[in-house]
Amino acid sequence: MIEVSDLTKHYPHAGRAVAALDGVNLRIGQGEIYGIIGRSGAGKSTLIRCLNLLERPDRGSVRLGDEELTALGERALQQRRRRIGMVFQHFNLLRSRSVAANVRFPLELAGDLSAAQMDARVDELLALVGLQDHRHKRPAQLSGGQKQRVGIARALANQPEVLLCDEATSALDPETTDAILVLLADINRQLGLTIVLITHDMRVIRQLCDSVAVLDHGRVVEQGKVLDVFLQPQHAVTQSLLAETGLGQAALLGQWRERIAMPLLKLSFVGAPALQPVLDKVGRTAGLRLNLLSGTLAEIKHTPFGLLLAAVVASDVELPALPAIFAREGVRCEVL
């Protein structure tokens, strides 16, 4: 659906050119929810604004479907942008307009529908985001979550193929964030819409996304399916971001390496094995006795997963044989 090739963008700073993006390459599938995460200054906002050419890259290309956006002239690009919705961090609603009028605004700009058709489309969108009873209110009368729902409805007005979300939940409290994430998941499921969102919060990635790219200093340092990246992070930046949520290997290891003389096992459970008595079964068959040090059980987009760190107290089999024994139960085992 979206292909980004060698995307590079510099900004002038203190008399020199600073790279906000440095050779970024991404492939985002049709109907996918794709997360882009990184710390402040990693280049996330620049990247998402380059996807719809609000920022022109210095080098590289952005392809949407079979069309290269970076090759379009300004007039053709304006037409193409109607098929790319964008949700902003701070809502960007028109204060003088009602909820319904804010949603209607991009339809008026496009000028493709009659007044009756626009009214029908607004009604449809307000129902989708659950704001039918707030249609006559002004933005000042809404909560933060309601304002973001208006922003989402407005972004969907022209029936886009792609929805870009620029830190769409960072101005919201955790409970409201969860509600917005549920709404985005519903929109993705009902409309088959491709969603790209940037965030600094691994919890958002875990709850919503299918795939993720990790940015650091303008470069993609890691990317892949969320389950793979969460359970087997390769880059130090990814490991650090996960450690802050209590899900990364660094968080599991902590100081145990220094304090425990016994061998350590890192166990990764995905799907059904996370809910089965695997440790008991392996313990009986392999004579394995473990001292559980730390771990977690959670979900990644409705898929249960677990991470455990355990010290080997005793085992009837050699340590190198344990990964194969656990693999037969659907569990990844690493001897640390």
Protein backbone atom coordinates (compact mmCIF):
# COMPACT_ATOMS: atom_id res chain seq x y z
CA MET A 1 0.00 0.00 0.00
CA ILE A 2 2.80 2.42 0.95
CA GLU A 3 6.42 2.09 -0.09
CA VAL A 4 9.06 4.52 1.16
CA SER A 5 12.48 4.35 -0.47
CA ASP A 6 15.67 6.09 0.70
CA LEU A 7 13.71 8.99 2.24
CA THR A 8 16.05 11.76 3.35
CA LYS A 9 15.24 15.17 4.80
CA HIS A 10 17.56 17.86 6.18
CA TYR A 11 16.82 21.06 8.08
CA PRO A 12 19.19 24.00 8.52
CA HIS A 13 20.44 24.48 12.08
CA ALA A 14 23.25 26.70 13.34
CA GLY A 15 24.68 27.12 9.86
CA ARG A 16 24.65 23.45 8.92
CA ALA A 17 22.24 20.85 7.54
CA VAL A 18 20.92 18.40 10.14
CA ALA A 19 19.40 15.12 8.96
CA ALA A 20 15.86 14.59 10.31
CA LEU A 21 15.51 11.51 8.08
CA ASP A 22 18.48 9.57 6.77
CA GLY A 23 17.70 6.94 4.13
CA VAL A 24 14.41 5.59 5.52
CA ASN A 25 12.91 2.52 3.81
CA LEU A 26 9.46 1.13 4.71
CA ARG A 27 6.84 -1.17 3.18
CA ILE A 28 3.33 -0.93 4.66
CA GLY A 29 0.72 -3.48 3.60
CA GLN A 30 -2.88 -2.87 2.55
CA GLY A 31 -5.18 -2.78 5.59
CA GLU A 32 -2.28 -2.87 8.05
CA ILE A 33 -1.98 -0.82 11.22
CA TYR A 34 1.64 0.27 11.16
CA GLY A 35 3.32 1.95 14.12
CA ILE A 36 6.37 4.22 13.99
CA ILE A 37 8.01 4.73 17.37
CA GLY A 38 11.04 6.57 18.66
CA ARG A 39 12.13 9.09 21.22
CA SER A 40 11.77 12.84 20.81
CA GLY A 41 13.89 14.05 17.92
CA ALA A 42 14.02 10.64 16.24
CA GLY A 43 12.31 11.98 13.10
CA LYS A 44 8.81 10.52 13.58
CA SER A 45 6.80 13.67 12.84
CA THR A 46 8.97 14.53 9.84
CA LEU A 47 8.47 11.03 8.46
CA ILE A 48 4.68 11.05 8.74
CA ARG A 49 4.50 14.53 7.18
CA CYS A 50 6.63 13.27 4.31
CA LEU A 51 4.16 10.45 3.67
CA ASN A 52 1.59 12.95 2.38
CA LEU A 53 4.20 15.43 1.19
CA LEU A 54 3.31 18.13 3.70
CA GLU A 55 7.10 18.08 3.94
CA ARG A 56 9.02 17.53 0.71
CA PRO A 57 11.97 15.14 1.17
CA ASP A 58 15.39 16.11 -0.14
CA ARG A 59 15.82 12.67 -1.66
CA GLY A 60 13.89 9.42 -2.03
CA SER A 61 10.36 8.51 -2.99
CA VAL A 62 6.94 7.83 -1.46
CA ARG A 63 4.65 5.49 -3.39
CA LEU A 64 0.97 5.07 -2.57
CA GLY A 65 -0.43 2.05 -4.37
CA ASP A 66 0.85 2.28 -7.94
CA GLU A 67 1.40 6.05 -7.82
CA GLU A 68 4.59 7.85 -6.82
CA LEU A 69 3.53 10.89 -4.80
CA THR A 70 6.96 12.50 -4.94
CA ALA A 71 6.69 12.67 -8.75
CA LEU A 72 3.37 14.55 -8.76
CA GLY A 73 2.96 18.25 -9.42
CA GLU A 74 1.27 20.43 -6.81
CA ARG A 75 -2.18 20.34 -8.38
CA ALA A 76 -2.19 16.56 -8.84
CA LEU A 77 -0.81 16.14 -5.31
CA GLN A 78 -3.64 18.20 -3.84
CA GLN A 79 -6.15 15.88 -5.50
CA ARG A 80 -4.30 12.80 -4.26
CA ARG A 81 -4.14 14.10 -0.70
CA ARG A 82 -7.93 13.82 -0.46
CA ARG A 83 -7.37 10.07 -0.24
CA ILE A 84 -4.98 10.47 2.69
CA GLY A 85 -6.62 11.42 6.00
CA MET A 86 -4.61 12.90 8.86
CA VAL A 87 -5.31 13.05 12.60
CA PHE A 88 -3.30 15.56 14.63
CA GLN A 89 -2.01 15.48 18.20
CA HIS A 90 -3.75 18.70 19.22
CA PHE A 91 -6.97 18.16 17.24
CA ASN A 92 -6.74 21.36 15.07
CA LEU A 93 -10.51 21.88 15.10
CA LEU A 94 -12.17 25.09 13.91
CA ARG A 95 -13.39 26.74 17.09
CA SER A 96 -16.12 28.76 15.36
CA ARG A 97 -17.72 25.65 13.83
CA SER A 98 -19.89 22.99 15.42
CA VAL A 99 -18.88 19.34 15.56
CA ALA A 100 -20.92 18.58 12.44
CA ALA A 101 -19.55 21.61 10.61
CA ASN A 102 -15.96 20.59 11.40
CA VAL A 103 -16.58 17.15 9.92
CA ARG A 104 -18.32 18.72 6.93
CA PHE A 105 -15.47 21.15 6.20
CA PRO A 106 -13.27 18.88 4.01
CA LEU A 107 -16.36 17.86 2.04
CA GLU A 108 -17.08 21.52 1.33
CA LEU A 109 -13.50 22.05 0.18
CA ALA A 110 -13.66 19.06 -2.14
CA GLY A 111 -16.94 20.23 -3.64
CA ASP A 112 -17.86 16.81 -5.02
CA LEU A 113 -21.12 16.25 -3.12
CA SER A 114 -24.47 17.99 -2.92
CA ALA A 115 -25.63 19.51 0.37
CA ALA A 116 -27.86 16.53 1.05
CA GLN A 117 -25.03 14.09 0.32
CA MET A 118 -22.70 15.99 2.66
CA ASP A 119 -25.32 15.91 5.43
CA ALA A 120 -25.70 12.15 4.98
CA ARG A 121 -21.93 11.64 5.07
CA VAL A 122 -21.59 13.73 8.23
CA ASP A 123 -24.36 11.71 9.91
CA GLU A 124 -22.60 8.49 8.94
CA LEU A 125 -19.26 9.64 10.33
CA LEU A 126 -20.68 10.98 13.60
CA ALA A 127 -22.37 7.63 14.13
CA LEU A 128 -19.08 5.84 13.40
CA VAL A 129 -17.21 7.80 16.10
CA GLY A 130 -20.12 7.88 18.56
CA LEU A 131 -20.84 11.63 18.53
CA GLN A 132 -24.38 11.79 17.13
CA ASP A 133 -25.62 13.56 20.27
CA HIS A 134 -22.86 16.20 20.14
CA ARG A 135 -23.29 17.40 16.56
CA HIS A 136 -24.30 20.97 17.52
CA LYS A 137 -21.63 21.52 20.19
CA ARG A 138 -18.54 23.66 19.66
CA PRO A 139 -15.04 22.28 20.31
CA ALA A 140 -14.77 24.24 23.59
CA GLN A 141 -17.67 22.16 24.95
CA LEU A 142 -15.97 18.83 24.28
CA SER A 143 -13.53 16.69 26.24
CA GLY A 144 -10.13 15.83 24.79
CA GLY A 145 -11.31 12.40 23.71
CA GLN A 146 -14.40 13.85 22.03
CA LYS A 147 -12.28 16.40 20.20
CA GLN A 148 -10.05 13.64 18.88
CA ARG A 149 -13.11 11.70 17.73
CA VAL A 150 -14.16 14.77 15.74
CA GLY A 151 -10.65 14.91 14.28
CA ILE A 152 -10.89 11.26 13.26
CA ALA A 153 -14.32 11.74 11.69
CA ARG A 154 -13.05 14.78 9.77
CA ALA A 155 -10.01 12.81 8.53
CA LEU A 156 -12.35 10.10 7.20
CA ALA A 157 -14.71 12.53 5.44
CA ASN A 158 -13.36 12.03 1.92
CA GLN A 159 -13.15 8.25 2.27
CA PRO A 160 -9.34 8.03 2.38
CA GLU A 161 -7.31 4.94 1.58
CA VAL A 162 -4.80 5.77 4.32
CA LEU A 163 -5.18 7.36 7.75
CA LEU A 164 -2.09 9.04 9.22
CA CYS A 165 -2.11 9.63 12.98
CA ASP A 166 0.47 12.09 14.34
CA GLU A 167 0.74 11.32 18.09
CA ALA A 168 -3.06 11.09 18.11
CA THR A 169 -3.24 9.90 21.75
CA SER A 170 -0.34 11.68 23.45
CA ALA A 171 -2.52 14.57 24.67
CA LEU A 172 -5.03 12.18 26.25
CA ASP A 173 -5.23 10.41 29.60
CA PRO A 174 -4.72 6.60 29.64
CA GLU A 175 -8.43 5.71 29.81
CA THR A 176 -9.30 8.03 26.92
CA THR A 177 -6.29 6.72 24.99
CA ASP A 178 -7.64 3.18 25.31
CA ALA A 179 -11.03 4.31 23.96
CA ILE A 180 -9.43 6.01 20.95
CA LEU A 181 -7.30 2.93 20.24
CA VAL A 182 -10.44 0.76 20.28
CA LEU A 183 -12.10 3.22 17.87
CA LEU A 184 -9.12 3.12 15.47
CA ALA A 185 -9.10 -0.69 15.58
CA ASP A 186 -12.83 -0.72 14.78
CA ILE A 187 -12.31 1.68 11.87
CA ASN A 188 -9.50 -0.47 10.52
CA ARG A 189 -11.67 -3.58 10.76
CA GLN A 190 -14.88 -2.05 9.36
CA LEU A 191 -13.36 0.01 6.56
CA GLY A 192 -10.25 -2.03 5.75
CA LEU A 193 -8.33 1.22 6.12
CA THR A 194 -4.53 1.30 6.23
CA ILE A 195 -3.47 3.21 9.36
CA VAL A 196 -0.01 4.64 10.04
CA LEU A 197 0.55 6.15 13.47
CA ILE A 198 3.53 7.62 15.22
CA THR A 199 3.93 7.43 18.97
CA HIS A 200 6.51 7.42 21.73
CA ASP A 201 4.43 4.91 23.75
CA MET A 202 5.13 1.19 23.36
CA ARG A 203 1.76 0.48 25.00
CA VAL A 204 0.01 2.03 21.97
CA ILE A 205 2.07 -0.16 19.64
CA ARG A 206 1.29 -3.27 21.69
CA GLN A 207 -2.46 -2.67 21.80
CA LEU A 208 -3.10 -1.55 18.24
CA CYS A 209 -0.41 -2.28 15.67
CA ASP A 210 0.36 -5.20 13.38
CA SER A 211 3.88 -4.03 12.49
CA VAL A 212 6.29 -1.46 13.86
CA ALA A 213 9.36 0.51 12.82
CA VAL A 214 11.76 1.93 15.42
CA LEU A 215 13.36 5.26 14.51
CA ASP A 216 16.54 6.67 16.00
CA HIS A 217 18.25 9.82 14.74
CA GLY A 218 16.41 9.67 11.45
CA ARG A 219 17.16 6.03 10.71
CA VAL A 220 15.02 2.89 10.95
CA VAL A 221 17.02 0.75 13.36
CA GLU A 222 14.50 -2.11 13.61
CA GLN A 223 11.21 -3.10 12.00
CA GLY A 224 8.95 -6.11 11.74
CA LYS A 225 5.81 -7.70 13.16
CA VAL A 226 5.03 -6.35 16.63
CA LEU A 227 5.20 -9.79 18.26
CA ASP A 228 8.64 -10.45 16.79
CA VAL A 229 10.01 -7.04 17.76
CA PHE A 230 8.59 -7.19 21.30
CA LEU A 231 9.78 -10.71 22.04
CA GLN A 232 13.13 -10.60 20.22
CA PRO A 233 14.30 -6.96 20.10
CA GLN A 234 17.64 -6.64 18.34
CA HIS A 235 18.59 -2.98 18.71
CA ALA A 236 19.56 -1.20 21.93
CA VAL A 237 16.97 1.55 21.32
CA THR A 238 14.17 -1.01 21.02
CA GLN A 239 15.36 -2.82 24.12
CA SER A 240 15.43 0.46 26.03
CA LEU A 241 11.91 1.41 24.96
CA LEU A 242 10.63 -2.02 25.96
CA ALA A 243 12.46 -1.94 29.28
CA GLU A 244 10.49 1.16 30.24
CA THR A 245 7.26 -0.85 29.87
CA GLY A 246 8.58 -3.81 31.85
CA LEU A 247 8.50 -6.03 28.76
CA GLY A 248 12.06 -5.93 27.47
CA GLN A 249 14.93 -8.30 28.06
CA ALA A 250 16.82 -5.59 29.90
CA ALA A 251 13.90 -5.21 32.31
CA LEU A 252 13.75 -8.96 32.84
CA LEU A 253 17.47 -9.35 33.41
CA GLY A 254 17.92 -6.38 35.71
CA GLN A 255 20.65 -7.24 38.20
CA TRP A 256 19.99 -10.97 38.20
CA ARG A 257 23.08 -11.80 36.13
CA GLU A 258 25.30 -10.41 38.87
CA ARG A 259 23.34 -11.77 41.81
CA ILE A 260 22.46 -15.32 40.71
CA ALA A 261 25.20 -17.91 40.20
CA MET A 262 22.86 -20.42 38.52
CA PRO A 263 22.26 -20.54 34.73
CA LEU A 264 19.40 -18.31 33.55
CA LEU A 265 16.64 -19.09 31.06
CA LYS A 266 14.62 -16.53 29.13
CA LEU A 267 11.29 -18.06 28.07
CA SER A 268 8.97 -16.50 25.48
CA PHE A 269 5.37 -17.73 25.19
CA VAL A 270 3.04 -16.69 22.35
CA GLY A 271 -0.59 -17.69 21.90
CA ALA A 272 -1.97 -20.85 23.51
CA PRO A 273 1.28 -21.88 25.31
CA ALA A 274 1.07 -18.67 27.35
CA LEU A 275 -2.11 -20.04 28.93
CA GLN A 276 -0.93 -23.66 29.40
CA PRO A 277 1.02 -25.32 32.27
CA VAL A 278 4.15 -25.66 30.13
CA LEU A 279 6.61 -25.23 32.99
CA ASP A 280 4.96 -28.02 34.94
CA LYS A 281 5.03 -30.37 31.93
CA VAL A 282 8.65 -29.69 31.02
CA GLY A 283 9.63 -29.85 34.67
CA ARG A 284 8.22 -33.36 34.96
CA THR A 285 9.67 -34.70 31.70
CA ALA A 286 13.12 -33.10 31.99
CA GLY A 287 13.53 -33.13 35.75
CA LEU A 288 13.75 -29.35 35.57
CA ARG A 289 13.48 -27.23 38.70
CA LEU A 290 13.32 -23.48 38.20
CA ASN A 291 13.43 -20.44 40.43
CA LEU A 292 11.19 -17.83 38.75
CA LEU A 293 12.84 -14.42 39.01
CA SER A 294 10.58 -12.10 37.00
CA GLY A 295 8.15 -12.05 34.12
CA THR A 296 4.93 -10.82 32.66
CA LEU A 297 1.79 -12.03 30.95
CA ALA A 298 0.04 -9.61 28.59
CA GLU A 299 -1.49 -9.30 25.13
CA ILE A 300 -0.30 -7.94 21.80
CA LYS A 301 -3.39 -7.05 19.79
CA HIS A 302 -5.46 -9.79 21.46
CA THR A 303 -2.68 -12.40 21.22
CA PRO A 304 -1.52 -13.53 24.68
CA PHE A 305 2.20 -13.62 25.29
CA GLY A 306 4.47 -14.15 28.24
CA LEU A 307 8.09 -13.45 29.12
CA LEU A 308 9.77 -15.23 32.02
CA LEU A 309 13.27 -15.12 33.48
CA ALA A 310 14.14 -18.16 35.56
CA ALA A 311 17.22 -19.62 37.23
CA VAL A 312 17.95 -23.32 36.71
CA VAL A 313 18.12 -24.99 40.14
CA ALA A 314 18.40 -28.54 38.79
CA SER A 315 17.95 -30.42 35.51
CA ASP A 316 18.16 -34.06 34.43
CA VAL A 317 19.13 -32.97 30.89
CA GLU A 318 22.03 -30.88 29.66
CA LEU A 319 21.30 -27.15 29.34
CA PRO A 320 21.87 -27.08 25.52
CA ALA A 321 18.99 -29.59 25.17
CA LEU A 322 16.43 -27.36 26.90
CA PRO A 323 15.61 -25.05 23.93
CA ALA A 324 14.54 -28.06 21.83
CA ILE A 325 12.43 -29.48 24.67
CA PHE A 326 10.63 -26.17 25.19
CA ALA A 327 10.24 -25.72 21.41
CA ARG A 328 8.15 -28.91 21.30
CA GLU A 329 5.71 -27.11 23.62
CA GLY A 330 5.67 -24.00 21.43
CA VAL A 331 7.92 -21.96 23.74
CA ARG A 332 11.15 -20.19 22.79
CA CYS A 333 13.92 -20.82 25.32
CA GLU A 334 17.25 -18.99 25.49
CA VAL A 335 20.02 -20.06 27.83
CA LEU A 336 21.62 -16.82 29.04
